[in-house]
Amino acid sequence: MPDPAEPLGYRLITGPDDAEFCARVTGLLDQGYRLYGSPALTFNGERVVAAQALVLPSSAGPEPSEDSRG
């Protein structure tokens, strides 16, 4: 089990596409995380839901290329 004091190498942030979601992503960027890939958006019938992967550079491999993202 990971040490809760250690930052995770990979995070997937999800939630309504609103200012709070953007603030959560911004907070992780301020902690040294980098965006990994493009955000994903979907509509759940009521609102737009966003997802964004972030990684710490020390634990990340190369970012997926356009060809490998499908």
C-alpha atoms as a PDB file:
ATOM      1  CA  MET A   1       0.000   0.000   0.000  1.00  0.00           C
ATOM      2  CA  PRO A   2       1.398   3.439  -0.886  1.00  0.00           C
ATOM      3  CA  ASP A   3       2.547   5.770   1.857  1.00  0.00           C
ATOM      4  CA  PRO A   4      -0.205   8.423   2.230  1.00  0.00           C
ATOM      5  CA  ALA A   5       2.495  11.085   2.807  1.00  0.00           C
ATOM      6  CA  GLU A   6       4.086  10.312  -0.593  1.00  0.00           C
ATOM      7  CA  PRO A   7       2.517  12.041  -3.596  1.00  0.00           C
ATOM      8  CA  LEU A   8       1.042   9.695  -6.169  1.00  0.00           C
ATOM      9  CA  GLY A   9       2.859   9.484  -9.497  1.00  0.00           C
ATOM     10  CA  TYR A  10      -0.437   9.441 -11.401  1.00  0.00           C
ATOM     11  CA  ARG A  11      -3.728  11.178 -10.690  1.00  0.00           C
ATOM     12  CA  LEU A  12      -6.989  11.123 -12.630  1.00  0.00           C
ATOM     13  CA  ILE A  13      -9.173  14.043 -11.631  1.00  0.00           C
ATOM     14  CA  THR A  14     -12.863  13.880 -12.512  1.00  0.00           C
ATOM     15  CA  GLY A  15     -15.855  16.055 -11.781  1.00  0.00           C
ATOM     16  CA  PRO A  16     -18.280  18.592 -13.163  1.00  0.00           C
ATOM     17  CA  ASP A  17     -16.619  20.929 -15.657  1.00  0.00           C
ATOM     18  CA  ASP A  18     -16.699  23.992 -13.422  1.00  0.00           C
ATOM     19  CA  ALA A  19     -14.404  26.404 -11.583  1.00  0.00           C
ATOM     20  CA  GLU A  20     -13.841  23.925  -8.727  1.00  0.00           C
ATOM     21  CA  PHE A  21     -12.608  21.263 -11.170  1.00  0.00           C
ATOM     22  CA  CYS A  22     -10.242  23.792 -12.763  1.00  0.00           C
ATOM     23  CA  ALA A  23      -8.992  24.829  -9.313  1.00  0.00           C
ATOM     24  CA  ARG A  24      -8.260  21.182  -8.414  1.00  0.00           C
ATOM     25  CA  VAL A  25      -6.237  20.713 -11.597  1.00  0.00           C
ATOM     26  CA  THR A  26      -4.455  24.037 -11.057  1.00  0.00           C
ATOM     27  CA  GLY A  27      -3.597  23.029  -7.488  1.00  0.00           C
ATOM     28  CA  LEU A  28      -1.970  19.819  -8.707  1.00  0.00           C
ATOM     29  CA  LEU A  29      -0.055  21.732 -11.397  1.00  0.00           C
ATOM     30  CA  ASP A  30       1.213  24.042  -8.632  1.00  0.00           C
ATOM     31  CA  GLN A  31       2.425  20.920  -6.756  1.00  0.00           C
ATOM     32  CA  GLY A  32       4.572  19.873  -9.721  1.00  0.00           C
ATOM     33  CA  TYR A  33       2.176  17.617 -11.608  1.00  0.00           C
ATOM     34  CA  ARG A  34       2.040  17.877 -15.386  1.00  0.00           C
ATOM     35  CA  LEU A  35      -0.949  17.287 -17.652  1.00  0.00           C
ATOM     36  CA  TYR A  36      -0.870  13.835 -19.257  1.00  0.00           C
ATOM     37  CA  GLY A  37      -2.836  13.626 -22.467  1.00  0.00           C
ATOM     38  CA  SER A  38      -5.935  15.545 -23.366  1.00  0.00           C
ATOM     39  CA  PRO A  39      -8.940  16.092 -21.111  1.00  0.00           C
ATOM     40  CA  ALA A  40     -12.016  13.957 -21.660  1.00  0.00           C
ATOM     41  CA  LEU A  41     -15.530  15.382 -21.528  1.00  0.00           C
ATOM     42  CA  THR A  42     -18.898  13.689 -21.391  1.00  0.00           C
ATOM     43  CA  PHE A  43     -22.466  14.729 -20.684  1.00  0.00           C
ATOM     44  CA  ASN A  44     -24.353  12.807 -17.984  1.00  0.00           C
ATOM     45  CA  GLY A  45     -27.807  14.138 -18.922  1.00  0.00           C
ATOM     46  CA  GLU A  46     -27.533  17.074 -16.526  1.00  0.00           C
ATOM     47  CA  ARG A  47     -24.055  18.560 -16.892  1.00  0.00           C
ATOM     48  CA  VAL A  48     -20.678  18.210 -18.549  1.00  0.00           C
ATOM     49  CA  VAL A  49     -18.262  15.987 -16.620  1.00  0.00           C
ATOM     50  CA  ALA A  50     -14.514  16.350 -17.182  1.00  0.00           C
ATOM     51  CA  ALA A  51     -11.540  14.060 -16.581  1.00  0.00           C
ATOM     52  CA  GLN A  52      -7.861  14.990 -16.721  1.00  0.00           C
ATOM     53  CA  ALA A  53      -4.854  12.775 -16.058  1.00  0.00           C
ATOM     54  CA  LEU A  54      -1.802  14.296 -14.380  1.00  0.00           C
ATOM     55  CA  VAL A  55       1.603  12.809 -13.581  1.00  0.00           C
ATOM     56  CA  LEU A  56       4.647  13.785 -11.585  1.00  0.00           C
ATOM     57  CA  PRO A  57       7.585  14.178 -13.992  1.00  0.00           C
ATOM     58  CA  SER A  58       9.819  11.902 -11.893  1.00  0.00           C
ATOM     59  CA  SER A  59       7.459   8.948 -12.331  1.00  0.00           C
ATOM     60  CA  ALA A  60       6.156   9.623 -15.840  1.00  0.00           C
ATOM     61  CA  GLY A  61       7.204   7.981 -19.022  1.00  0.00           C
ATOM     62  CA  PRO A  62       6.904   9.868 -22.272  1.00  0.00           C
ATOM     63  CA  GLU A  63       3.542  11.485 -22.992  1.00  0.00           C
ATOM     64  CA  PRO A  64       1.485   9.424 -25.424  1.00  0.00           C
ATOM     65  CA  SER A  65       1.883  10.516 -29.009  1.00  0.00           C
ATOM     66  CA  GLU A  66      -1.050  11.408 -31.225  1.00  0.00           C
ATOM     67  CA  ASP A  67      -0.647   8.039 -32.984  1.00  0.00           C
ATOM     68  CA  SER A  68      -0.804   5.970 -29.775  1.00  0.00           C
ATOM     69  CA  ARG A  69      -3.881   7.652 -28.255  1.00  0.00           C
ATOM     70  CA  GLY A  70      -6.223   5.831 -30.522  1.00  0.00           C
END
